[in-house]
């Protein structure tokens, strides 16, 4: 029996299992949360939902990638974990017509294609095998299920098992590749009750998806933390109808945990260097800030001032400290200069 099996198996029908297996079924199974008709936007708000300015910034990034590639005849844009296509729709709308005409837009999502989606968008359940352009994964990795470890009274990290009602109990000791990952990326120490989310499945998922970019840029945007500043009791939580809630793996709520983006960056063994920065810094590099318009505009063009003020408020939310601005951006450029440098 492998260590993964020990961590995730059910001990009886309907009994407890590891969080990775439980969340996989609850999120992506036949009756999973991400197959619900209202889509993720019915339960939580991402940067995409917060403002059209976010899609505009991604469109600007895509144009910079296009320029760095020498404006190829076909330019791929891959919206990873596309929800109901909100981001890819916004990006296409924000692009200049001559650029949009060359874009091959893909939306990657397990749910069915929305009926009103732009016919240009290719809807599929995995990214293309070879990408020339921009792969953009906004709040995808936080929903790649992971196991949870907790230190027992003897100082031993053990898998946390969970029932379908959210009740937890300790499982077997963490061993093998999972133990190696904890030792390197999230050392728990011996304090009883210390918890960690074992990010190895996310490392592997990111390396596989980013590896499909033949030329261009791969970007992951997510709730994030780095080694040396990990939360001592983990970050596993749930969201339902716009509110944070206890994570219960029954398909009724989102189940999410922040991402060790530094571990994901190291797992991608492509020779091109990866870079981590905050959303605030990334959007600033793309020309998006929360600066208020000059008051003089209010007297010369009041309508323009009101529009600019509203735009500044939306930009401020996207870049706010303690909020969306603290999200991590992981970038890996392949055969092009870093377009945010």
Protein backbone atom coordinates (compact mmCIF):
# COMPACT_ATOMS: atom_id res chain seq x y z
CA UNK A 1 0.00 0.00 0.00
CA UNK A 2 1.46 3.40 -0.96
CA UNK A 3 1.66 6.35 1.39
CA UNK A 4 -0.86 8.16 -0.85
CA UNK A 5 -3.34 5.34 -0.41
CA UNK A 6 -2.86 5.36 3.35
CA UNK A 7 -3.57 9.07 3.41
CA UNK A 8 -6.65 9.05 1.22
CA UNK A 9 -8.52 5.75 1.44
CA UNK A 10 -11.94 5.36 3.02
CA UNK A 11 -11.99 3.04 5.98
CA UNK A 12 -15.64 2.16 5.29
CA UNK A 13 -18.28 3.22 2.77
CA UNK A 14 -19.07 6.85 3.57
CA UNK A 15 -16.26 6.90 6.13
CA UNK A 16 -13.37 9.33 6.45
CA UNK A 17 -10.66 9.76 3.81
CA UNK A 18 -7.88 12.21 3.06
CA UNK A 19 -8.82 15.77 2.16
CA UNK A 20 -7.38 15.44 -1.34
CA UNK A 21 -9.68 12.57 -2.31
CA UNK A 22 -12.67 14.10 -0.53
CA UNK A 23 -12.25 17.50 -2.19
CA UNK A 24 -11.64 15.94 -5.62
CA UNK A 25 -15.04 14.28 -5.51
CA UNK A 26 -16.80 17.24 -3.86
CA UNK A 27 -15.51 19.75 -6.40
CA UNK A 28 -15.20 17.77 -9.63
CA UNK A 29 -17.28 14.60 -9.25
CA UNK A 30 -20.57 14.03 -11.13
CA UNK A 31 -22.46 16.18 -8.60
CA UNK A 32 -19.47 18.39 -7.79
CA UNK A 33 -19.49 22.05 -6.89
CA UNK A 34 -17.83 23.14 -10.14
CA UNK A 35 -20.52 21.47 -12.20
CA UNK A 36 -23.32 23.52 -10.64
CA UNK A 37 -25.23 25.68 -13.15
CA UNK A 38 -24.59 29.01 -11.39
CA UNK A 39 -20.82 28.60 -11.76
CA UNK A 40 -18.15 29.82 -9.33
CA UNK A 41 -19.32 33.43 -9.73
CA UNK A 42 -22.48 32.50 -7.86
CA UNK A 43 -20.47 31.82 -4.71
CA UNK A 44 -17.35 33.96 -4.63
CA UNK A 45 -15.86 37.03 -6.25
CA UNK A 46 -12.52 36.93 -8.03
CA UNK A 47 -10.57 39.77 -9.64
CA UNK A 48 -12.36 38.93 -12.88
CA UNK A 49 -15.73 39.60 -11.26
CA UNK A 50 -14.51 42.65 -9.33
CA UNK A 51 -13.81 44.80 -12.38
CA UNK A 52 -13.54 44.72 -16.16
CA UNK A 53 -10.19 46.46 -15.60
CA UNK A 54 -8.68 43.09 -14.71
CA UNK A 55 -9.55 41.62 -18.11
CA UNK A 56 -8.20 44.80 -19.67
CA UNK A 57 -4.89 44.32 -17.86
CA UNK A 58 -4.69 40.70 -19.03
CA UNK A 59 -5.42 41.91 -22.57
CA UNK A 60 -2.50 44.35 -22.23
CA UNK A 61 -0.30 41.49 -21.05
CA UNK A 62 -1.37 39.38 -24.03
CA UNK A 63 -0.45 42.22 -26.38
CA UNK A 64 2.99 42.47 -24.78
CA UNK A 65 3.46 38.74 -25.28
CA UNK A 66 2.32 39.16 -28.88
CA UNK A 67 4.96 41.86 -29.45
CA UNK A 68 7.68 39.76 -27.77
CA UNK A 69 6.78 36.84 -30.05
CA UNK A 70 7.08 39.02 -33.13
CA UNK A 71 3.31 39.10 -33.75
CA UNK A 72 2.81 35.54 -34.99
CA UNK A 73 0.02 34.66 -37.41
CA UNK A 74 -1.87 32.91 -34.61
CA UNK A 75 -1.66 33.94 -30.96
CA UNK A 76 -2.97 31.57 -28.28
CA UNK A 77 -4.79 32.82 -25.20
CA UNK A 78 -5.63 30.04 -22.74
CA UNK A 79 -8.00 30.88 -19.86
CA UNK A 80 -7.28 28.11 -17.36
CA UNK A 81 -10.17 27.33 -14.96
CA UNK A 82 -12.42 29.59 -17.02
CA UNK A 83 -15.54 29.45 -14.85
CA UNK A 84 -18.26 30.55 -17.24
CA UNK A 85 -15.87 32.30 -19.63
CA UNK A 86 -15.90 35.71 -17.96
CA UNK A 87 -12.17 36.39 -18.38
CA UNK A 88 -11.75 35.20 -21.95
CA UNK A 89 -14.84 37.21 -22.92
CA UNK A 90 -13.45 40.35 -21.29
CA UNK A 91 -10.02 39.91 -22.86
CA UNK A 92 -11.45 39.53 -26.36
CA UNK A 93 -13.56 42.66 -25.85
CA UNK A 94 -10.54 44.67 -24.66
CA UNK A 95 -8.17 43.73 -27.49
CA UNK A 96 -7.67 45.93 -30.55
CA UNK A 97 -9.51 44.46 -33.51
CA UNK A 98 -6.33 43.59 -35.44
CA UNK A 99 -4.95 41.63 -32.48
CA UNK A 100 -8.26 39.90 -31.66
CA UNK A 101 -8.43 38.70 -35.27
CA UNK A 102 -5.26 36.64 -34.73
CA UNK A 103 -6.09 35.29 -31.29
CA UNK A 104 -7.01 31.63 -30.76
CA UNK A 105 -8.98 31.81 -27.49
CA UNK A 106 -9.34 28.68 -25.35
CA UNK A 107 -11.41 28.29 -22.18
CA UNK A 108 -10.39 25.31 -20.03
CA UNK A 109 -13.11 24.12 -17.65
CA UNK A 110 -14.80 20.84 -16.68
CA UNK A 111 -18.33 22.29 -16.75
CA UNK A 112 -20.35 22.50 -19.94
CA UNK A 113 -19.95 25.34 -22.39
CA UNK A 114 -22.17 28.37 -21.66
CA UNK A 115 -24.83 28.84 -24.32
CA UNK A 116 -24.05 32.52 -24.87
CA UNK A 117 -20.26 32.26 -25.11
CA UNK A 118 -18.52 33.91 -28.06
CA UNK A 119 -18.34 31.34 -30.85
CA UNK A 120 -14.65 32.07 -31.34
CA UNK A 121 -13.81 30.53 -27.97
CA UNK A 122 -12.76 26.88 -28.00
CA UNK A 123 -14.19 25.23 -24.87
CA UNK A 124 -12.28 22.19 -23.63
CA UNK A 125 -11.43 20.28 -20.46
CA UNK A 126 -7.64 20.55 -20.80
CA UNK A 127 -5.25 23.06 -22.33
CA UNK A 128 -3.80 22.62 -25.83
CA UNK A 129 -0.72 20.40 -25.99
CA UNK A 130 1.39 23.23 -27.48
CA UNK A 131 0.79 26.90 -26.74
CA UNK A 132 2.29 29.93 -28.45
CA UNK A 133 1.04 32.93 -26.53
CA UNK A 134 -0.31 33.38 -23.00
CA UNK A 135 -1.62 30.76 -20.57
CA UNK A 136 -3.38 32.52 -17.70
CA UNK A 137 -4.51 30.50 -14.66
CA UNK A 138 -6.53 32.78 -12.38
CA UNK A 139 -7.46 31.10 -9.07
CA UNK A 140 -6.95 27.61 -10.45
CA UNK A 141 -4.23 26.16 -8.25
CA UNK A 142 -6.09 26.91 -5.00
CA UNK A 143 -8.74 24.45 -6.19
CA UNK A 144 -6.30 21.66 -7.05
CA UNK A 145 -7.11 19.35 -4.12
CA UNK A 146 -4.41 18.61 -1.57
CA UNK A 147 -4.06 16.51 1.53
CA UNK A 148 -3.84 18.12 4.96
CA UNK A 149 -1.29 17.15 7.61
CA UNK A 150 -1.51 17.86 11.34
CA UNK A 151 1.06 17.26 14.06
CA UNK A 152 -0.07 14.79 16.73
CA UNK A 153 0.76 14.94 20.48
CA UNK A 154 3.98 13.00 19.83
CA UNK A 155 5.14 15.56 17.25
CA UNK A 156 4.43 13.30 14.25
CA UNK A 157 2.72 14.81 11.16
CA UNK A 158 -0.33 12.73 10.26
CA UNK A 159 -2.81 12.91 7.41
CA UNK A 160 -6.12 14.49 8.39
CA UNK A 161 -9.06 12.31 7.37
CA UNK A 162 -12.48 13.84 6.81
CA UNK A 163 -16.02 12.51 6.55
CA UNK A 164 -18.64 13.76 4.10
CA UNK A 165 -20.08 15.95 6.88
CA UNK A 166 -16.72 17.69 7.45
CA UNK A 167 -15.85 15.83 10.66
CA UNK A 168 -12.09 15.24 10.90
CA UNK A 169 -9.93 12.60 12.56
CA UNK A 170 -6.20 11.73 12.43
CA UNK A 171 -4.96 9.23 9.85
CA UNK A 172 -1.62 7.57 9.28
CA UNK A 173 1.78 9.27 9.44
CA UNK A 174 2.85 11.34 6.44
CA UNK A 175 5.62 9.49 4.60
CA UNK A 176 7.32 9.27 1.22
CA UNK A 177 7.15 12.14 -1.29
CA UNK A 178 4.57 14.00 0.83
CA UNK A 179 6.92 13.94 3.84
CA UNK A 180 9.79 15.14 1.65
CA UNK A 181 7.64 18.02 0.41
CA UNK A 182 6.72 19.05 3.96
CA UNK A 183 10.34 18.93 5.08
CA UNK A 184 11.44 21.24 2.28
CA UNK A 185 8.49 23.56 1.83
CA UNK A 186 6.38 23.55 5.00
CA UNK A 187 8.23 22.15 8.05
CA UNK A 188 5.64 21.61 10.76
CA UNK A 189 7.88 21.18 13.75
CA UNK A 190 6.66 19.25 16.78
CA UNK A 191 3.97 21.57 18.18
CA UNK A 192 0.69 19.69 18.53
CA UNK A 193 -2.03 20.92 16.20
CA UNK A 194 0.22 22.59 13.63
CA UNK A 195 -1.28 22.07 10.16
CA UNK A 196 -0.14 22.25 6.57
CA UNK A 197 -1.61 21.66 3.13
CA UNK A 198 0.69 19.33 1.20
CA UNK A 199 1.16 21.18 -2.09
CA UNK A 200 2.82 18.44 -4.15
CA UNK A 201 -0.23 17.88 -6.44
CA UNK A 202 -0.23 21.59 -7.25
CA UNK A 203 3.48 21.58 -8.04
CA UNK A 204 2.93 18.74 -10.47
CA UNK A 205 -0.20 20.30 -11.98
CA UNK A 206 1.55 23.61 -12.60
CA UNK A 207 4.67 21.99 -14.06
CA UNK A 208 2.52 19.96 -16.47
CA UNK A 209 0.36 22.88 -17.62
CA UNK A 210 3.16 25.45 -17.83
CA UNK A 211 5.19 22.91 -19.77
CA UNK A 212 2.69 23.20 -22.62
CA UNK A 213 3.83 26.73 -23.37
CA UNK A 214 6.29 26.30 -26.24
CA UNK A 215 6.84 30.06 -26.65
CA UNK A 216 5.25 32.80 -24.63
CA UNK A 217 4.23 33.22 -21.01
CA UNK A 218 2.58 31.07 -18.35
CA UNK A 219 0.97 32.89 -15.42
CA UNK A 220 -0.67 31.59 -12.24
CA UNK A 221 -2.56 34.05 -10.01
CA UNK A 222 -3.71 32.96 -6.59
CA UNK A 223 -3.94 33.33 -2.85
CA UNK A 224 -0.35 32.54 -1.92
CA UNK A 225 2.31 32.23 0.76
CA UNK A 226 6.02 31.45 0.72
CA UNK A 227 8.36 29.41 2.89
CA UNK A 228 9.25 31.20 6.09
CA UNK A 229 5.80 32.80 6.24
CA UNK A 230 3.45 29.81 6.09
CA UNK A 231 0.29 30.08 8.21
CA UNK A 232 0.80 27.85 11.27
CA UNK A 233 -2.64 26.22 11.10
CA UNK A 234 -3.13 26.09 7.33
CA UNK A 235 -5.69 27.90 5.20
CA UNK A 236 -8.26 25.28 4.21
CA UNK A 237 -11.71 26.86 4.02
CA UNK A 238 -14.99 26.87 2.13
CA UNK A 239 -17.13 29.44 0.29
CA UNK A 240 -20.85 29.34 -0.33
CA UNK A 241 -23.16 32.07 -1.68
CA UNK A 242 -20.57 34.79 -1.20
CA UNK A 243 -19.64 33.88 2.36
CA UNK A 244 -16.74 32.01 3.90
CA UNK A 245 -17.89 28.81 5.54
CA UNK A 246 -16.56 25.61 7.05
CA UNK A 247 -15.15 23.30 4.36
CA UNK A 248 -17.53 20.36 4.00
CA UNK A 249 -16.80 17.91 1.15
CA UNK A 250 -20.40 17.29 0.12
CA UNK A 251 -20.48 19.35 -3.09
CA UNK A 252 -22.37 22.25 -1.52
CA UNK A 253 -19.44 24.67 -1.25
CA UNK A 254 -16.10 25.58 -2.71
CA UNK A 255 -13.11 24.02 -0.94
CA UNK A 256 -9.94 26.03 -1.26
CA UNK A 257 -6.53 26.57 0.32
CA UNK A 258 -3.82 29.13 -0.37
CA UNK A 259 -0.98 28.09 -2.68
CA UNK A 260 2.73 27.63 -1.97
CA UNK A 261 3.64 29.39 -5.21
CA UNK A 262 7.37 29.24 -4.45
CA UNK A 263 7.14 25.44 -4.43
CA UNK A 264 5.22 25.50 -7.71
CA UNK A 265 7.90 27.71 -9.25
CA UNK A 266 10.66 25.32 -8.19
CA UNK A 267 8.77 22.28 -9.50
CA UNK A 268 8.74 23.68 -13.03
CA UNK A 269 12.15 22.55 -14.22
CA UNK A 270 12.13 24.51 -17.47
CA UNK A 271 15.43 26.39 -17.88
CA UNK A 272 13.54 29.68 -18.22
CA UNK A 273 13.49 31.37 -14.80
CA UNK A 274 10.22 31.78 -12.93
CA UNK A 275 9.34 34.96 -11.07
CA UNK A 276 7.00 35.75 -8.17
CA UNK A 277 5.42 39.13 -7.54
CA UNK A 278 2.24 40.52 -6.02
CA UNK A 279 -0.84 41.36 -8.04
CA UNK A 280 -0.33 44.96 -6.97
CA UNK A 281 3.14 45.03 -8.58
CA UNK A 282 1.98 43.11 -11.67
CA UNK A 283 -0.97 45.41 -12.36
CA UNK A 284 1.17 48.47 -11.74
CA UNK A 285 3.62 47.18 -14.38
CA UNK A 286 0.64 46.83 -16.72
CA UNK A 287 -0.34 50.45 -16.15
CA UNK A 288 -3.20 49.86 -13.71
CA UNK A 289 -3.15 51.82 -10.45
CA UNK A 290 -5.72 53.17 -8.04
CA UNK A 291 -4.63 56.79 -8.47
CA UNK A 292 -7.51 59.27 -8.34
CA UNK A 293 -8.07 61.59 -11.31
CA UNK A 294 -7.02 65.25 -10.89
CA UNK A 295 -9.67 67.49 -9.37
CA UNK A 296 -9.27 69.92 -12.25
CA UNK A 297 -10.99 67.35 -14.47
CA UNK A 298 -14.15 67.72 -12.35
CA UNK A 299 -14.57 71.32 -13.50
CA UNK A 300 -13.53 70.85 -17.13
CA UNK A 301 -15.33 67.54 -17.80
CA UNK A 302 -17.52 66.39 -14.90
CA UNK A 303 -18.75 63.22 -16.66
CA UNK A 304 -15.21 62.14 -17.47
CA UNK A 305 -14.20 62.83 -13.86
CA UNK A 306 -16.97 60.59 -12.52
CA UNK A 307 -15.96 57.79 -14.91
CA UNK A 308 -12.29 58.14 -13.99
CA UNK A 309 -13.14 58.18 -10.28
CA UNK A 310 -15.15 54.96 -10.60
CA UNK A 311 -12.32 53.35 -12.54
CA UNK A 312 -9.82 54.41 -9.88
CA UNK A 313 -12.00 52.82 -7.20
CA UNK A 314 -12.11 49.53 -9.09
CA UNK A 315 -8.36 49.62 -9.66
CA UNK A 316 -7.84 50.33 -5.95
CA UNK A 317 -9.79 47.17 -5.07
CA UNK A 318 -7.70 45.07 -7.47
CA UNK A 319 -4.46 46.38 -5.96
CA UNK A 320 -5.48 46.77 -2.31
CA UNK A 321 -3.15 45.71 0.49
CA UNK A 322 -4.75 43.04 2.61
CA UNK A 323 -6.99 42.10 -0.31
CA UNK A 324 -6.73 41.27 -4.00
CA UNK A 325 -3.50 43.23 -4.36
CA UNK A 326 -1.71 40.72 -2.14
CA UNK A 327 -2.44 37.82 -4.49
CA UNK A 328 0.66 36.15 -5.87
CA UNK A 329 1.54 36.10 -9.58
CA UNK A 330 3.85 33.34 -10.77
CA UNK A 331 5.30 34.05 -14.21
CA UNK A 332 7.44 31.89 -16.46
CA UNK A 333 8.48 33.30 -19.83
CA UNK A 334 9.59 30.87 -22.54
CA UNK A 335 11.80 32.09 -25.38
CA UNK A 336 10.72 35.70 -24.85
CA UNK A 337 11.76 38.52 -22.56
CA UNK A 338 9.69 38.89 -19.38
CA UNK A 339 6.89 41.27 -20.47
CA UNK A 340 6.53 42.65 -16.92
CA UNK A 341 10.22 43.34 -16.35
